PDB file of N, CA and C in Angstrom:
ATOM      1  N   MET A   1     -60.271  -8.362  29.311  1.00  0.00           N
ATOM      2  CA  MET A   1     -61.004  -9.009  28.225  1.00  0.00           C
ATOM      3  C   MET A   1     -62.332  -9.596  28.718  1.00  0.00           C
ATOM      4  N   ASN A   2     -62.437  -9.901  30.010  1.00  0.00           N
ATOM      5  CA  ASN A   2     -63.675 -10.481  30.529  1.00  0.00           C
ATOM      6  C   ASN A   2     -64.839  -9.507  30.434  1.00  0.00           C
ATOM      7  N   HIS A   3     -64.579  -8.213  30.580  1.00  0.00           N
ATOM      8  CA  HIS A   3     -65.638  -7.207  30.591  1.00  0.00           C
ATOM      9  C   HIS A   3     -65.652  -6.363  29.324  1.00  0.00           C
ATOM     10  N   TYR A   4     -65.004  -6.829  28.306  1.00  0.00           N
ATOM     11  CA  TYR A   4     -64.878  -6.087  27.057  1.00  0.00           C
ATOM     12  C   TYR A   4     -66.231  -5.714  26.462  1.00  0.00           C
ATOM     13  N   SER A   5     -67.157  -6.652  26.391  1.00  0.00           N
ATOM     14  CA  SER A   5     -68.467  -6.381  25.791  1.00  0.00           C
ATOM     15  C   SER A   5     -69.271  -5.403  26.634  1.00  0.00           C
ATOM     16  N   ASN A   6     -69.159  -5.479  27.962  1.00  0.00           N
ATOM     17  CA  ASN A   6     -69.879  -4.533  28.828  1.00  0.00           C
ATOM     18  C   ASN A   6     -69.342  -3.122  28.687  1.00  0.00           C
ATOM     19  N   ILE A   7     -68.042  -2.998  28.548  1.00  0.00           N
ATOM     20  CA  ILE A   7     -67.440  -1.668  28.380  1.00  0.00           C
ATOM     21  C   ILE A   7     -67.846  -1.084  27.044  1.00  0.00           C
ATOM     22  N   LEU A   8     -67.823  -1.861  26.006  1.00  0.00           N
ATOM     23  CA  LEU A   8     -68.222  -1.369  24.686  1.00  0.00           C
ATOM     24  C   LEU A   8     -69.698  -1.044  24.627  1.00  0.00           C
ATOM     25  N   ASN A   9     -70.511  -1.708  25.416  1.00  0.00           N
ATOM     26  CA  ASN A   9     -71.943  -1.455  25.445  1.00  0.00           C
ATOM     27  C   ASN A   9     -72.222  -0.004  25.807  1.00  0.00           C
ATOM     28  N   PHE A  10     -71.449   0.565  26.718  1.00  0.00           N
ATOM     29  CA  PHE A  10     -71.648   1.960  27.093  1.00  0.00           C
ATOM     30  C   PHE A  10     -71.390   2.875  25.902  1.00  0.00           C
ATOM     31  N   PHE A  11     -70.325   2.638  25.176  1.00  0.00           N
ATOM     32  CA  PHE A  11     -69.985   3.515  24.065  1.00  0.00           C
ATOM     33  C   PHE A  11     -70.907   3.318  22.867  1.00  0.00           C
ATOM     34  N   ASP A  12     -71.401   2.107  22.672  1.00  0.00           N
ATOM     35  CA  ASP A  12     -72.294   1.844  21.544  1.00  0.00           C
ATOM     36  C   ASP A  12     -73.713   2.332  21.804  1.00  0.00           C
ATOM     37  N   ARG A  13     -74.253   2.046  22.983  1.00  0.00           N
ATOM     38  CA  ARG A  13     -75.659   2.329  23.258  1.00  0.00           C
ATOM     39  C   ARG A  13     -75.867   3.369  24.350  1.00  0.00           C
ATOM     40  N   ARG A  14     -74.800   3.835  24.974  1.00  0.00           N
ATOM     41  CA  ARG A  14     -74.875   4.804  26.086  1.00  0.00           C
ATOM     42  C   ARG A  14     -75.747   4.289  27.229  1.00  0.00           C
ATOM     43  N   SER A  15     -75.700   2.999  27.460  1.00  0.00           N
ATOM     44  CA  SER A  15     -76.470   2.426  28.558  1.00  0.00           C
ATOM     45  C   SER A  15     -75.538   2.101  29.719  1.00  0.00           C
ATOM     46  N   THR A  16     -76.015   2.357  30.923  1.00  0.00           N
ATOM     47  CA  THR A  16     -75.228   2.078  32.117  1.00  0.00           C
ATOM     48  C   THR A  16     -76.107   1.358  33.134  1.00  0.00           C
ATOM     49  N   ASN A  17     -75.516   0.984  34.220  1.00  0.00           N
ATOM     50  CA  ASN A  17     -76.254   0.354  35.311  1.00  0.00           C
ATOM     51  C   ASN A  17     -76.391   1.329  36.480  1.00  0.00           C
ATOM     52  N   ALA A  18     -76.434   2.617  36.191  1.00  0.00           N
ATOM     53  CA  ALA A  18     -76.493   3.637  37.240  1.00  0.00           C
ATOM     54  C   ALA A  18     -77.744   3.500  38.101  1.00  0.00           C
ATOM     55  N   SER A  19     -78.866   3.167  37.511  1.00  0.00           N
ATOM     56  CA  SER A  19     -80.089   3.034  38.304  1.00  0.00           C
ATOM     57  C   SER A  19     -79.988   1.858  39.276  1.00  0.00           C
ATOM     58  N   ALA A  20     -79.393   0.769  38.840  1.00  0.00           N
ATOM     59  CA  ALA A  20     -79.203  -0.377  39.731  1.00  0.00           C
ATOM     60  C   ALA A  20     -78.225  -0.040  40.850  1.00  0.00           C
ATOM     61  N   GLU A  21     -77.178   0.687  40.530  1.00  0.00           N
ATOM     62  CA  GLU A  21     -76.208   1.078  41.551  1.00  0.00           C
ATOM     63  C   GLU A  21     -76.840   2.029  42.557  1.00  0.00           C
ATOM     64  N   SER A  22     -77.688   2.925  42.084  1.00  0.00           N
ATOM     65  CA  SER A  22     -78.373   3.862  42.978  1.00  0.00           C
ATOM     66  C   SER A  22     -79.298   3.118  43.933  1.00  0.00           C
ATOM     67  N   PHE A  23     -80.050   2.161  43.412  1.00  0.00           N
ATOM     68  CA  PHE A  23     -80.952   1.378  44.250  1.00  0.00           C
ATOM     69  C   PHE A  23     -80.164   0.573  45.276  1.00  0.00           C
ATOM     70  N   ASN A  24     -79.041   0.010  44.859  1.00  0.00           N
ATOM     71  CA  ASN A  24     -78.194  -0.747  45.768  1.00  0.00           C
ATOM     72  C   ASN A  24     -77.659   0.157  46.881  1.00  0.00           C
ATOM     73  N   ALA A  25     -77.283   1.374  46.547  1.00  0.00           N
ATOM     74  CA  ALA A  25     -76.801   2.317  47.560  1.00  0.00           C
ATOM     75  C   ALA A  25     -77.906   2.671  48.547  1.00  0.00           C
ATOM     76  N   LYS A  26     -79.139   2.816  48.072  1.00  0.00           N
ATOM     77  CA  LYS A  26     -80.263   3.105  48.962  1.00  0.00           C
ATOM     78  C   LYS A  26     -80.508   1.955  49.928  1.00  0.00           C
ATOM     79  N   ILE A  27     -80.423   0.735  49.440  1.00  0.00           N
ATOM     80  CA  ILE A  27     -80.615  -0.436  50.301  1.00  0.00           C
ATOM     81  C   ILE A  27     -79.512  -0.503  51.347  1.00  0.00           C
ATOM     82  N   ASN A  28     -78.278  -0.268  50.923  1.00  0.00           N
ATOM     83  CA  ASN A  28     -77.170  -0.310  51.878  1.00  0.00           C
ATOM     84  C   ASN A  28     -77.301   0.788  52.927  1.00  0.00           C
ATOM     85  N   ASN A  29     -77.721   1.971  52.524  1.00  0.00           N
ATOM     86  CA  ASN A  29     -77.934   3.066  53.465  1.00  0.00           C
ATOM     87  C   ASN A  29     -79.039   2.709  54.458  1.00  0.00           C
ATOM     88  N   PHE A  30     -80.096   2.108  53.966  1.00  0.00           N
ATOM     89  CA  PHE A  30     -81.202   1.677  54.819  1.00  0.00           C
ATOM     90  C   PHE A  30     -80.725   0.654  55.839  1.00  0.00           C
ATOM     91  N   ARG A  31     -79.928  -0.294  55.394  1.00  0.00           N
ATOM     92  CA  ARG A  31     -79.407  -1.314  56.298  1.00  0.00           C
ATOM     93  C   ARG A  31     -78.495  -0.713  57.352  1.00  0.00           C
ATOM     94  N   LEU A  32     -77.709   0.281  56.986  1.00  0.00           N
ATOM     95  CA  LEU A  32     -76.827   0.919  57.955  1.00  0.00           C
ATOM     96  C   LEU A  32     -77.615   1.668  59.023  1.00  0.00           C
ATOM     97  N   GLN A  33     -78.725   2.257  58.629  1.00  0.00           N
ATOM     98  CA  GLN A  33     -79.552   2.985  59.579  1.00  0.00           C
ATOM     99  C   GLN A  33     -80.219   2.043  60.574  1.00  0.00           C
ATOM    100  N   LEU A  34     -80.481   0.829  60.161  1.00  0.00           N
ATOM    101  CA  LEU A  34     -81.146  -0.151  61.019  1.00  0.00           C
ATOM    102  C   LEU A  34     -80.177  -1.270  61.381  1.00  0.00           C
ATOM    103  N   ARG A  35     -79.109  -0.892  62.020  1.00  0.00           N
ATOM    104  CA  ARG A  35     -78.104  -1.892  62.387  1.00  0.00           C
ATOM    105  C   ARG A  35     -78.727  -2.973  63.260  1.00  0.00           C
ATOM    106  N   GLY A  36     -78.397  -4.199  62.946  1.00  0.00           N
ATOM    107  CA  GLY A  36     -78.868  -5.302  63.760  1.00  0.00           C
ATOM    108  C   GLY A  36     -80.291  -5.743  63.456  1.00  0.00           C
ATOM    109  N   VAL A  37     -80.777  -5.492  62.248  1.00  0.00           N
ATOM    110  CA  VAL A  37     -82.114  -5.943  61.894  1.00  0.00           C
ATOM    111  C   VAL A  37     -82.129  -7.463  61.886  1.00  0.00           C
ATOM    112  N   LYS A  38     -83.036  -8.026  62.656  1.00  0.00           N
ATOM    113  CA  LYS A  38     -83.104  -9.483  62.751  1.00  0.00           C
ATOM    114  C   LYS A  38     -84.209 -10.058  61.876  1.00  0.00           C
ATOM    115  N   ASP A  39     -85.236  -9.266  61.614  1.00  0.00           N
ATOM    116  CA  ASP A  39     -86.370  -9.745  60.825  1.00  0.00           C
ATOM    117  C   ASP A  39     -86.137  -9.407  59.354  1.00  0.00           C
ATOM    118  N   LYS A  40     -85.456 -10.292  58.648  1.00  0.00           N
ATOM    119  CA  LYS A  40     -85.119 -10.047  57.246  1.00  0.00           C
ATOM    120  C   LYS A  40     -86.354 -10.038  56.353  1.00  0.00           C
ATOM    121  N   VAL A  41     -87.382 -10.780  56.729  1.00  0.00           N
ATOM    122  CA  VAL A  41     -88.615 -10.808  55.941  1.00  0.00           C
ATOM    123  C   VAL A  41     -89.261  -9.425  55.956  1.00  0.00           C
ATOM    124  N   LEU A  42     -89.304  -8.787  57.111  1.00  0.00           N
ATOM    125  CA  LEU A  42     -89.865  -7.443  57.206  1.00  0.00           C
ATOM    126  C   LEU A  42     -89.023  -6.449  56.414  1.00  0.00           C
ATOM    127  N   LEU A  43     -87.716  -6.585  56.473  1.00  0.00           N
ATOM    128  CA  LEU A  43     -86.834  -5.713  55.704  1.00  0.00           C
ATOM    129  C   LEU A  43     -87.125  -5.823  54.216  1.00  0.00           C
ATOM    130  N   LEU A  44     -87.228  -7.031  53.715  1.00  0.00           N
ATOM    131  CA  LEU A  44     -87.520  -7.230  52.292  1.00  0.00           C
ATOM    132  C   LEU A  44     -88.920  -6.738  51.940  1.00  0.00           C
ATOM    133  N   PHE A  45     -89.864  -6.918  52.834  1.00  0.00           N
ATOM    134  CA  PHE A  45     -91.220  -6.420  52.611  1.00  0.00           C
ATOM    135  C   PHE A  45     -91.209  -4.907  52.435  1.00  0.00           C
ATOM    136  N   ARG A  46     -90.504  -4.223  53.313  1.00  0.00           N
ATOM    137  CA  ARG A  46     -90.459  -2.763  53.240  1.00  0.00           C
ATOM    138  C   ARG A  46     -89.767  -2.290  51.968  1.00  0.00           C
ATOM    139  N   ILE A  47     -88.743  -3.003  51.533  1.00  0.00           N
ATOM    140  CA  ILE A  47     -88.033  -2.621  50.312  1.00  0.00           C
ATOM    141  C   ILE A  47     -88.917  -2.833  49.091  1.00  0.00           C
ATOM    142  N   ILE A  48     -89.666  -3.927  49.066  1.00  0.00           N
ATOM    143  CA  ILE A  48     -90.479  -4.259  47.900  1.00  0.00           C
ATOM    144  C   ILE A  48     -91.744  -3.407  47.818  1.00  0.00           C
ATOM    145  N   TYR A  49     -92.444  -3.247  48.931  1.00  0.00           N
ATOM    146  CA  TYR A  49     -93.754  -2.604  48.892  1.00  0.00           C
ATOM    147  C   TYR A  49     -93.730  -1.108  49.161  1.00  0.00           C
ATOM    148  N   PHE A  50     -92.585  -0.564  49.548  1.00  0.00           N
ATOM    149  CA  PHE A  50     -92.480   0.873  49.770  1.00  0.00           C
ATOM    150  C   PHE A  50     -91.269   1.438  49.036  1.00  0.00           C
ATOM    151  N   PRO A  51     -91.214   1.268  47.710  1.00  0.00           N
ATOM    152  CA  PRO A  51     -90.020   1.718  46.981  1.00  0.00           C
ATOM    153  C   PRO A  51     -89.893   3.242  46.925  1.00  0.00           C
ATOM    154  N   SER A  52     -90.977   3.956  47.197  1.00  0.00           N
ATOM    155  CA  SER A  52     -90.905   5.413  47.121  1.00  0.00           C
ATOM    156  C   SER A  52     -90.267   6.018  48.354  1.00  0.00           C
ATOM    157  N   LEU A  53     -90.077   5.225  49.393  1.00  0.00           N
ATOM    158  CA  LEU A  53     -89.440   5.743  50.590  1.00  0.00           C
ATOM    159  C   LEU A  53     -87.971   6.036  50.304  1.00  0.00           C
ATOM    160  N   ASN A  54     -87.484   7.091  50.889  1.00  0.00           N
ATOM    161  CA  ASN A  54     -86.063   7.383  50.761  1.00  0.00           C
ATOM    162  C   ASN A  54     -85.321   6.637  51.849  1.00  0.00           C
ATOM    163  N   PHE A  55     -84.739   5.530  51.491  1.00  0.00           N
ATOM    164  CA  PHE A  55     -84.045   4.703  52.476  1.00  0.00           C
ATOM    165  C   PHE A  55     -82.899   5.477  52.986  1.00  0.00           C
TER     166      PHE A  55
END
């Protein structure tokens, strides 16, 4: 019952969060490739200013 409105939203408007999930997967893949990144500011900079890169 907690997610009832979100589930119905898909059937009513055919809207999903697939684009957000895809972006999240790209960020996670990027983080896995750069294990042990210590400079989080640089990581966020690269994510924000270079969104066309395939992480």
